[in-house]
Amino acid sequence: MQLMYFLLATAIGLVIPLQAAVNNHVRLLIGGSTVLAALVSFGVGTITLGLAALLTGQRWAGLANLSNASAWQLGGGVLGAFFVFGSTLIAPRIGVAAMISLIIAGQVCASLLFDRFGLLGMPLREVGGWRLLGALLVVIGVALVNFGDRLPR
């Protein structure tokens, strides 16, 4: 079962650059608006998730509990919109590889903080030397992806 989760995470990573490129094409198609391209992406995504919920028999009655949610608990949608908008804006300007490498570095650094301190109720996980070395190697990878062509050959 663990292998399936690793494969799913890898598949998600593989489609993020694809999503940025597709959203950029939508942006060009609709006249250059990054905000509207992100809106189209979220609209299609909302329809897709609604159909998936219907097909898998999700209990829609649970949505009534959202009236008890704090504003921060609904912030995932804002964060998702920031990601889709930002990647649609940035990818054509700095390149997909540069953008994704920086996103991954940010994700690794923030994830270590979530693991170490159990932020927002996430399980505590040890952040030892090997994990910090891995994060440092990611940062070095970002530097190479973004500035490696400037190094002497």
N, C-alpha and C. Protein backbone atom coordinates (compact mmCIF):
# COMPACT_ATOMS: atom_id res chain seq x y z
N MET A 1 0.83 -1.20 0.00
CA MET A 1 0.00 0.00 0.00
C MET A 1 0.87 1.26 0.00
N GLN A 2 1.97 1.24 0.76
CA GLN A 2 2.86 2.38 0.81
C GLN A 2 3.42 2.70 -0.58
N LEU A 3 3.75 1.67 -1.36
CA LEU A 3 4.27 1.87 -2.71
C LEU A 3 3.26 2.63 -3.56
N MET A 4 1.98 2.31 -3.40
CA MET A 4 0.94 3.00 -4.17
C MET A 4 0.94 4.50 -3.86
N TYR A 5 1.15 4.87 -2.60
CA TYR A 5 1.18 6.28 -2.22
C TYR A 5 2.40 6.98 -2.82
N PHE A 6 3.54 6.28 -2.82
CA PHE A 6 4.75 6.85 -3.43
C PHE A 6 4.54 7.06 -4.93
N LEU A 7 3.92 6.10 -5.57
CA LEU A 7 3.66 6.22 -7.01
C LEU A 7 2.68 7.34 -7.30
N LEU A 8 1.65 7.48 -6.47
CA LEU A 8 0.67 8.56 -6.65
C LEU A 8 1.35 9.92 -6.47
N ALA A 9 2.20 10.04 -5.45
CA ALA A 9 2.91 11.30 -5.23
C ALA A 9 3.81 11.63 -6.42
N THR A 10 4.45 10.61 -6.97
CA THR A 10 5.30 10.82 -8.14
C THR A 10 4.46 11.26 -9.33
N ALA A 11 3.31 10.63 -9.52
CA ALA A 11 2.42 11.00 -10.63
C ALA A 11 1.95 12.45 -10.49
N ILE A 12 1.64 12.86 -9.27
CA ILE A 12 1.23 14.24 -9.04
C ILE A 12 2.37 15.18 -9.42
N GLY A 13 3.58 14.84 -9.02
CA GLY A 13 4.74 15.64 -9.39
C GLY A 13 4.95 15.71 -10.89
N LEU A 14 4.66 14.62 -11.57
CA LEU A 14 4.83 14.59 -13.03
C LEU A 14 3.83 15.48 -13.75
N VAL A 15 2.63 15.64 -13.19
CA VAL A 15 1.61 16.42 -13.91
C VAL A 15 1.63 17.91 -13.57
N ILE A 16 2.34 18.32 -12.53
CA ILE A 16 2.38 19.75 -12.19
C ILE A 16 2.98 20.59 -13.31
N PRO A 17 4.11 20.17 -13.91
CA PRO A 17 4.60 20.96 -15.06
C PRO A 17 3.62 20.95 -16.23
N LEU A 18 2.95 19.82 -16.44
CA LEU A 18 1.95 19.72 -17.49
C LEU A 18 0.81 20.70 -17.22
N GLN A 19 0.37 20.78 -15.96
CA GLN A 19 -0.71 21.69 -15.61
C GLN A 19 -0.31 23.14 -15.91
N ALA A 20 0.91 23.51 -15.57
CA ALA A 20 1.36 24.89 -15.84
C ALA A 20 1.36 25.18 -17.33
N ALA A 21 1.82 24.21 -18.13
CA ALA A 21 1.88 24.42 -19.58
C ALA A 21 0.48 24.49 -20.18
N VAL A 22 -0.42 23.62 -19.73
CA VAL A 22 -1.79 23.62 -20.24
C VAL A 22 -2.48 24.92 -19.86
N ASN A 23 -2.33 25.35 -18.61
CA ASN A 23 -2.96 26.60 -18.17
C ASN A 23 -2.40 27.80 -18.93
N ASN A 24 -1.12 27.75 -19.29
CA ASN A 24 -0.55 28.82 -20.08
C ASN A 24 -1.20 28.88 -21.46
N HIS A 25 -1.49 27.73 -22.07
CA HIS A 25 -2.18 27.71 -23.36
C HIS A 25 -3.59 28.28 -23.24
N VAL A 26 -4.26 27.95 -22.15
CA VAL A 26 -5.60 28.52 -21.92
C VAL A 26 -5.48 30.04 -21.79
N ARG A 27 -4.47 30.50 -21.06
CA ARG A 27 -4.25 31.94 -20.89
C ARG A 27 -4.10 32.63 -22.24
N LEU A 28 -3.31 32.03 -23.12
CA LEU A 28 -3.11 32.62 -24.45
C LEU A 28 -4.40 32.58 -25.26
N LEU A 29 -5.14 31.49 -25.14
CA LEU A 29 -6.38 31.30 -25.89
C LEU A 29 -7.43 32.35 -25.53
N ILE A 30 -7.49 32.71 -24.25
CA ILE A 30 -8.55 33.61 -23.79
C ILE A 30 -8.11 35.08 -23.74
N GLY A 31 -6.97 35.39 -24.31
CA GLY A 31 -6.57 36.79 -24.41
C GLY A 31 -5.52 37.24 -23.43
N GLY A 32 -4.87 36.33 -22.73
CA GLY A 32 -3.74 36.69 -21.89
C GLY A 32 -4.01 36.87 -20.42
N SER A 33 -5.22 36.63 -19.95
CA SER A 33 -5.54 36.83 -18.54
C SER A 33 -5.15 35.60 -17.71
N THR A 34 -4.15 35.79 -16.84
CA THR A 34 -3.73 34.71 -15.95
C THR A 34 -4.82 34.37 -14.94
N VAL A 35 -5.50 35.39 -14.44
CA VAL A 35 -6.56 35.17 -13.45
C VAL A 35 -7.70 34.35 -14.07
N LEU A 36 -8.11 34.71 -15.29
CA LEU A 36 -9.20 33.96 -15.92
C LEU A 36 -8.77 32.55 -16.30
N ALA A 37 -7.52 32.37 -16.68
CA ALA A 37 -7.02 31.02 -16.98
C ALA A 37 -7.06 30.16 -15.72
N ALA A 38 -6.68 30.73 -14.58
CA ALA A 38 -6.76 30.00 -13.32
C ALA A 38 -8.21 29.70 -12.96
N LEU A 39 -9.11 30.64 -13.24
CA LEU A 39 -10.53 30.41 -12.99
C LEU A 39 -11.06 29.26 -13.83
N VAL A 40 -10.67 29.21 -15.10
CA VAL A 40 -11.08 28.10 -15.97
C VAL A 40 -10.56 26.79 -15.40
N SER A 41 -9.29 26.78 -14.98
CA SER A 41 -8.70 25.58 -14.41
C SER A 41 -9.48 25.11 -13.18
N PHE A 42 -9.80 26.03 -12.29
CA PHE A 42 -10.55 25.67 -11.09
C PHE A 42 -11.98 25.25 -11.42
N GLY A 43 -12.59 25.91 -12.40
CA GLY A 43 -13.95 25.52 -12.80
C GLY A 43 -14.00 24.10 -13.32
N VAL A 44 -13.07 23.78 -14.21
CA VAL A 44 -13.02 22.41 -14.74
C VAL A 44 -12.69 21.43 -13.62
N GLY A 45 -11.76 21.82 -12.74
CA GLY A 45 -11.42 20.97 -11.60
C GLY A 45 -12.60 20.74 -10.67
N THR A 46 -13.40 21.78 -10.43
CA THR A 46 -14.58 21.65 -9.58
C THR A 46 -15.59 20.69 -10.19
N ILE A 47 -15.81 20.82 -11.48
CA ILE A 47 -16.73 19.90 -12.16
C ILE A 47 -16.21 18.46 -12.08
N THR A 48 -14.91 18.29 -12.30
CA THR A 48 -14.30 16.97 -12.24
C THR A 48 -14.45 16.35 -10.86
N LEU A 49 -14.18 17.13 -9.81
CA LEU A 49 -14.32 16.61 -8.46
C LEU A 49 -15.78 16.32 -8.10
N GLY A 50 -16.69 17.16 -8.58
CA GLY A 50 -18.11 16.90 -8.36
C GLY A 50 -18.55 15.58 -8.97
N LEU A 51 -18.11 15.33 -10.20
CA LEU A 51 -18.43 14.06 -10.86
C LEU A 51 -17.78 12.89 -10.12
N ALA A 52 -16.54 13.06 -9.67
CA ALA A 52 -15.87 11.99 -8.92
C ALA A 52 -16.61 11.70 -7.62
N ALA A 53 -17.10 12.75 -6.96
CA ALA A 53 -17.86 12.56 -5.72
C ALA A 53 -19.15 11.80 -5.99
N LEU A 54 -19.83 12.16 -7.08
CA LEU A 54 -21.07 11.45 -7.44
C LEU A 54 -20.81 9.99 -7.77
N LEU A 55 -19.78 9.75 -8.58
CA LEU A 55 -19.48 8.39 -9.02
C LEU A 55 -18.99 7.48 -7.90
N THR A 56 -18.38 8.07 -6.87
CA THR A 56 -17.87 7.25 -5.77
C THR A 56 -18.79 7.24 -4.56
N GLY A 57 -19.97 7.85 -4.69
CA GLY A 57 -20.97 7.78 -3.63
C GLY A 57 -20.60 8.53 -2.36
N GLN A 58 -19.95 9.66 -2.50
CA GLN A 58 -19.58 10.46 -1.33
C GLN A 58 -20.83 10.95 -0.61
N ARG A 59 -20.71 11.12 0.70
CA ARG A 59 -21.83 11.60 1.52
C ARG A 59 -21.84 13.12 1.53
N TRP A 60 -22.68 13.70 0.70
CA TRP A 60 -22.75 15.14 0.55
C TRP A 60 -23.26 15.84 1.81
N ALA A 61 -23.99 15.10 2.66
CA ALA A 61 -24.55 15.70 3.87
C ALA A 61 -23.44 16.23 4.79
N GLY A 62 -22.25 15.65 4.70
CA GLY A 62 -21.13 16.11 5.52
C GLY A 62 -20.73 17.54 5.23
N LEU A 63 -21.08 18.03 4.03
CA LEU A 63 -20.75 19.42 3.69
C LEU A 63 -21.48 20.41 4.59
N ALA A 64 -22.57 19.99 5.22
CA ALA A 64 -23.29 20.89 6.13
C ALA A 64 -22.41 21.30 7.30
N ASN A 65 -21.42 20.47 7.65
CA ASN A 65 -20.51 20.80 8.74
C ASN A 65 -19.60 21.99 8.43
N LEU A 66 -19.54 22.38 7.16
CA LEU A 66 -18.70 23.53 6.80
C LEU A 66 -19.16 24.81 7.48
N SER A 67 -20.41 24.86 7.91
CA SER A 67 -20.86 26.05 8.62
C SER A 67 -20.13 26.23 9.94
N ASN A 68 -19.50 25.16 10.44
CA ASN A 68 -18.73 25.23 11.68
C ASN A 68 -17.24 25.49 11.44
N ALA A 69 -16.85 25.61 10.18
CA ALA A 69 -15.44 25.77 9.86
C ALA A 69 -14.95 27.18 10.16
N SER A 70 -13.72 27.26 10.62
CA SER A 70 -13.06 28.55 10.77
C SER A 70 -12.59 29.02 9.40
N ALA A 71 -12.38 30.30 9.27
CA ALA A 71 -11.95 30.84 7.98
C ALA A 71 -10.65 30.19 7.50
N TRP A 72 -9.70 29.95 8.42
CA TRP A 72 -8.43 29.37 8.02
C TRP A 72 -8.61 27.95 7.46
N GLN A 73 -9.64 27.24 7.93
CA GLN A 73 -9.88 25.88 7.45
C GLN A 73 -10.38 25.86 6.00
N LEU A 74 -10.88 26.96 5.53
CA LEU A 74 -11.31 27.06 4.14
C LEU A 74 -10.23 27.66 3.25
N GLY A 75 -9.09 27.95 3.84
CA GLY A 75 -8.01 28.59 3.11
C GLY A 75 -7.32 27.72 2.08
N GLY A 76 -7.56 26.42 2.09
CA GLY A 76 -6.94 25.56 1.09
C GLY A 76 -7.30 25.97 -0.33
N GLY A 77 -8.53 26.42 -0.51
CA GLY A 77 -8.94 26.88 -1.84
C GLY A 77 -8.18 28.12 -2.27
N VAL A 78 -7.94 29.01 -1.32
CA VAL A 78 -7.17 30.22 -1.62
C VAL A 78 -5.73 29.84 -1.97
N LEU A 79 -5.16 28.91 -1.21
CA LEU A 79 -3.80 28.47 -1.47
C LEU A 79 -3.70 27.76 -2.82
N GLY A 80 -4.70 26.96 -3.14
CA GLY A 80 -4.72 26.30 -4.44
C GLY A 80 -4.83 27.31 -5.58
N ALA A 81 -5.66 28.33 -5.38
CA ALA A 81 -5.79 29.37 -6.40
C ALA A 81 -4.47 30.12 -6.56
N PHE A 82 -3.79 30.39 -5.46
CA PHE A 82 -2.48 31.05 -5.51
C PHE A 82 -1.50 30.20 -6.30
N PHE A 83 -1.51 28.89 -6.07
CA PHE A 83 -0.59 28.00 -6.78
C PHE A 83 -0.90 27.99 -8.28
N VAL A 84 -2.16 27.80 -8.64
CA VAL A 84 -2.51 27.72 -10.06
C VAL A 84 -2.26 29.06 -10.75
N PHE A 85 -2.67 30.15 -10.12
CA PHE A 85 -2.41 31.47 -10.69
C PHE A 85 -0.91 31.71 -10.82
N GLY A 86 -0.18 31.46 -9.75
CA GLY A 86 1.26 31.71 -9.75
C GLY A 86 2.01 30.89 -10.78
N SER A 87 1.68 29.60 -10.88
CA SER A 87 2.39 28.76 -11.85
C SER A 87 2.03 29.14 -13.28
N THR A 88 0.80 29.56 -13.50
CA THR A 88 0.41 30.02 -14.84
C THR A 88 1.12 31.32 -15.20
N LEU A 89 1.31 32.18 -14.22
CA LEU A 89 2.01 33.44 -14.43
C LEU A 89 3.51 33.24 -14.63
N ILE A 90 4.12 32.41 -13.80
CA ILE A 90 5.57 32.30 -13.75
C ILE A 90 6.16 31.39 -14.82
N ALA A 91 5.52 30.27 -15.13
CA ALA A 91 6.12 29.28 -16.04
C ALA A 91 6.59 29.88 -17.36
N PRO A 92 5.78 30.68 -18.05
CA PRO A 92 6.28 31.22 -19.31
C PRO A 92 7.36 32.28 -19.14
N ARG A 93 7.52 32.80 -17.94
CA ARG A 93 8.50 33.87 -17.72
C ARG A 93 9.88 33.37 -17.31
N ILE A 94 9.92 32.33 -16.47
CA ILE A 94 11.24 31.83 -16.03
C ILE A 94 11.51 30.41 -16.51
N GLY A 95 10.52 29.78 -17.10
CA GLY A 95 10.67 28.40 -17.56
C GLY A 95 10.10 27.42 -16.55
N VAL A 96 9.64 26.30 -17.06
CA VAL A 96 9.00 25.31 -16.20
C VAL A 96 10.00 24.68 -15.23
N ALA A 97 11.19 24.34 -15.71
CA ALA A 97 12.18 23.69 -14.83
C ALA A 97 12.59 24.60 -13.68
N ALA A 98 12.84 25.87 -13.98
CA ALA A 98 13.21 26.81 -12.92
C ALA A 98 12.06 26.95 -11.92
N MET A 99 10.85 27.11 -12.42
CA MET A 99 9.69 27.27 -11.55
C MET A 99 9.50 26.05 -10.66
N ILE A 100 9.49 24.88 -11.26
CA ILE A 100 9.23 23.65 -10.49
C ILE A 100 10.34 23.41 -9.48
N SER A 101 11.60 23.67 -9.85
CA SER A 101 12.68 23.45 -8.88
C SER A 101 12.50 24.34 -7.66
N LEU A 102 12.11 25.59 -7.88
CA LEU A 102 11.89 26.51 -6.77
C LEU A 102 10.67 26.10 -5.94
N ILE A 103 9.62 25.63 -6.59
CA ILE A 103 8.43 25.16 -5.87
C ILE A 103 8.80 23.96 -5.00
N ILE A 104 9.56 23.03 -5.57
CA ILE A 104 9.94 21.84 -4.81
C ILE A 104 10.80 22.22 -3.60
N ALA A 105 11.74 23.14 -3.79
CA ALA A 105 12.58 23.58 -2.67
C ALA A 105 11.71 24.19 -1.56
N GLY A 106 10.77 25.03 -1.96
CA GLY A 106 9.86 25.61 -0.97
C GLY A 106 9.04 24.55 -0.26
N GLN A 107 8.57 23.56 -1.02
CA GLN A 107 7.78 22.49 -0.43
C GLN A 107 8.59 21.67 0.57
N VAL A 108 9.83 21.34 0.20
CA VAL A 108 10.67 20.54 1.10
C VAL A 108 10.96 21.31 2.39
N CYS A 109 11.33 22.57 2.27
CA CYS A 109 11.64 23.36 3.46
C CYS A 109 10.41 23.52 4.36
N ALA A 110 9.28 23.88 3.78
CA ALA A 110 8.06 24.03 4.59
C ALA A 110 7.64 22.68 5.19
N SER A 111 7.78 21.61 4.42
CA SER A 111 7.38 20.28 4.91
C SER A 111 8.20 19.85 6.11
N LEU A 112 9.49 20.17 6.11
CA LEU A 112 10.32 19.84 7.27
C LEU A 112 9.83 20.57 8.52
N LEU A 113 9.39 21.82 8.35
CA LEU A 113 8.84 22.55 9.49
C LEU A 113 7.54 21.92 9.98
N PHE A 114 6.68 21.51 9.03
CA PHE A 114 5.42 20.85 9.42
C PHE A 114 5.72 19.55 10.16
N ASP A 115 6.68 18.78 9.67
CA ASP A 115 7.03 17.52 10.32
C ASP A 115 7.63 17.76 11.71
N ARG A 116 8.56 18.68 11.81
CA ARG A 116 9.29 18.92 13.05
C ARG A 116 8.39 19.43 14.16
N PHE A 117 7.47 20.35 13.82
CA PHE A 117 6.66 21.00 14.83
C PHE A 117 5.20 20.53 14.84
N GLY A 118 4.83 19.61 13.96
CA GLY A 118 3.46 19.12 13.93
C GLY A 118 2.46 20.22 13.63
N LEU A 119 2.82 21.15 12.75
CA LEU A 119 1.95 22.28 12.47
C LEU A 119 0.59 21.84 11.93
N LEU A 120 -0.45 22.54 12.33
CA LEU A 120 -1.84 22.28 11.93
C LEU A 120 -2.25 20.83 12.17
N GLY A 121 -1.73 20.25 13.23
CA GLY A 121 -2.13 18.91 13.62
C GLY A 121 -1.49 17.78 12.83
N MET A 122 -0.50 18.09 12.02
CA MET A 122 0.19 17.03 11.29
C MET A 122 1.02 16.22 12.27
N PRO A 123 1.23 14.93 11.97
CA PRO A 123 2.01 14.09 12.90
C PRO A 123 3.44 14.60 13.02
N LEU A 124 3.97 14.54 14.22
CA LEU A 124 5.36 14.90 14.45
C LEU A 124 6.26 13.84 13.83
N ARG A 125 7.29 14.30 13.15
CA ARG A 125 8.29 13.40 12.57
C ARG A 125 9.66 14.02 12.83
N GLU A 126 10.59 13.16 13.12
CA GLU A 126 11.95 13.63 13.41
C GLU A 126 12.58 14.25 12.17
N VAL A 127 13.26 15.37 12.37
CA VAL A 127 14.00 16.01 11.30
C VAL A 127 15.48 15.96 11.71
N GLY A 128 16.13 14.90 11.26
CA GLY A 128 17.53 14.69 11.63
C GLY A 128 18.47 15.16 10.54
N GLY A 129 19.72 14.83 10.74
CA GLY A 129 20.77 15.25 9.83
C GLY A 129 20.59 14.80 8.40
N TRP A 130 20.14 13.56 8.20
CA TRP A 130 19.97 13.06 6.83
C TRP A 130 18.87 13.80 6.10
N ARG A 131 17.79 14.10 6.79
CA ARG A 131 16.70 14.85 6.14
C ARG A 131 17.13 16.28 5.84
N LEU A 132 17.90 16.88 6.74
CA LEU A 132 18.42 18.23 6.48
C LEU A 132 19.40 18.21 5.32
N LEU A 133 20.23 17.16 5.24
CA LEU A 133 21.14 17.03 4.11
C LEU A 133 20.35 16.89 2.81
N GLY A 134 19.27 16.12 2.84
CA GLY A 134 18.41 15.99 1.66
C GLY A 134 17.85 17.33 1.22
N ALA A 135 17.42 18.14 2.19
CA ALA A 135 16.90 19.47 1.87
C ALA A 135 18.00 20.35 1.28
N LEU A 136 19.20 20.26 1.84
CA LEU A 136 20.32 21.02 1.31
C LEU A 136 20.63 20.60 -0.12
N LEU A 137 20.57 19.30 -0.40
CA LEU A 137 20.81 18.83 -1.77
C LEU A 137 19.74 19.33 -2.73
N VAL A 138 18.50 19.44 -2.25
CA VAL A 138 17.44 20.01 -3.09
C VAL A 138 17.77 21.46 -3.41
N VAL A 139 18.21 22.22 -2.41
CA VAL A 139 18.56 23.62 -2.63
C VAL A 139 19.74 23.72 -3.61
N ILE A 140 20.71 22.83 -3.47
CA ILE A 140 21.82 22.81 -4.42
C ILE A 140 21.30 22.48 -5.83
N GLY A 141 20.37 21.54 -5.91
CA GLY A 141 19.76 21.21 -7.20
C GLY A 141 19.05 22.39 -7.81
N VAL A 142 18.36 23.17 -7.00
CA VAL A 142 17.69 24.38 -7.49
C VAL A 142 18.72 25.35 -8.08
N ALA A 143 19.81 25.52 -7.36
CA ALA A 143 20.86 26.42 -7.86
C ALA A 143 21.41 25.92 -9.19
N LEU A 144 21.62 24.61 -9.32
CA LEU A 144 22.15 24.06 -10.56
C LEU A 144 21.14 24.18 -11.71
N VAL A 145 19.87 23.93 -11.41
CA VAL A 145 18.84 24.04 -12.45
C VAL A 145 18.73 25.48 -12.94
N ASN A 146 18.83 26.43 -12.01
CA ASN A 146 18.62 27.83 -12.35
C ASN A 146 19.87 28.56 -12.82
N PHE A 147 21.04 28.14 -12.34
CA PHE A 147 22.26 28.89 -12.65
C PHE A 147 23.39 28.01 -13.17
N GLY A 148 23.13 26.73 -13.36
CA GLY A 148 24.17 25.80 -13.79
C GLY A 148 24.78 26.14 -15.14
N ASP A 149 24.02 26.75 -16.02
CA ASP A 149 24.55 27.10 -17.33
C ASP A 149 25.57 28.23 -17.24
N ARG A 150 25.67 28.88 -16.11
CA ARG A 150 26.65 29.96 -15.92
C ARG A 150 27.97 29.45 -15.35
N LEU A 151 27.99 28.17 -14.97
CA LEU A 151 29.22 27.60 -14.41
C LEU A 151 30.19 27.29 -15.54
N PRO A 152 31.49 27.37 -15.23
CA PRO A 152 32.48 27.02 -16.27
C PRO A 152 32.38 25.56 -16.64
N ARG A 153 32.68 25.27 -17.90
CA ARG A 153 32.61 23.88 -18.38
C ARG A 153 33.96 23.25 -18.40
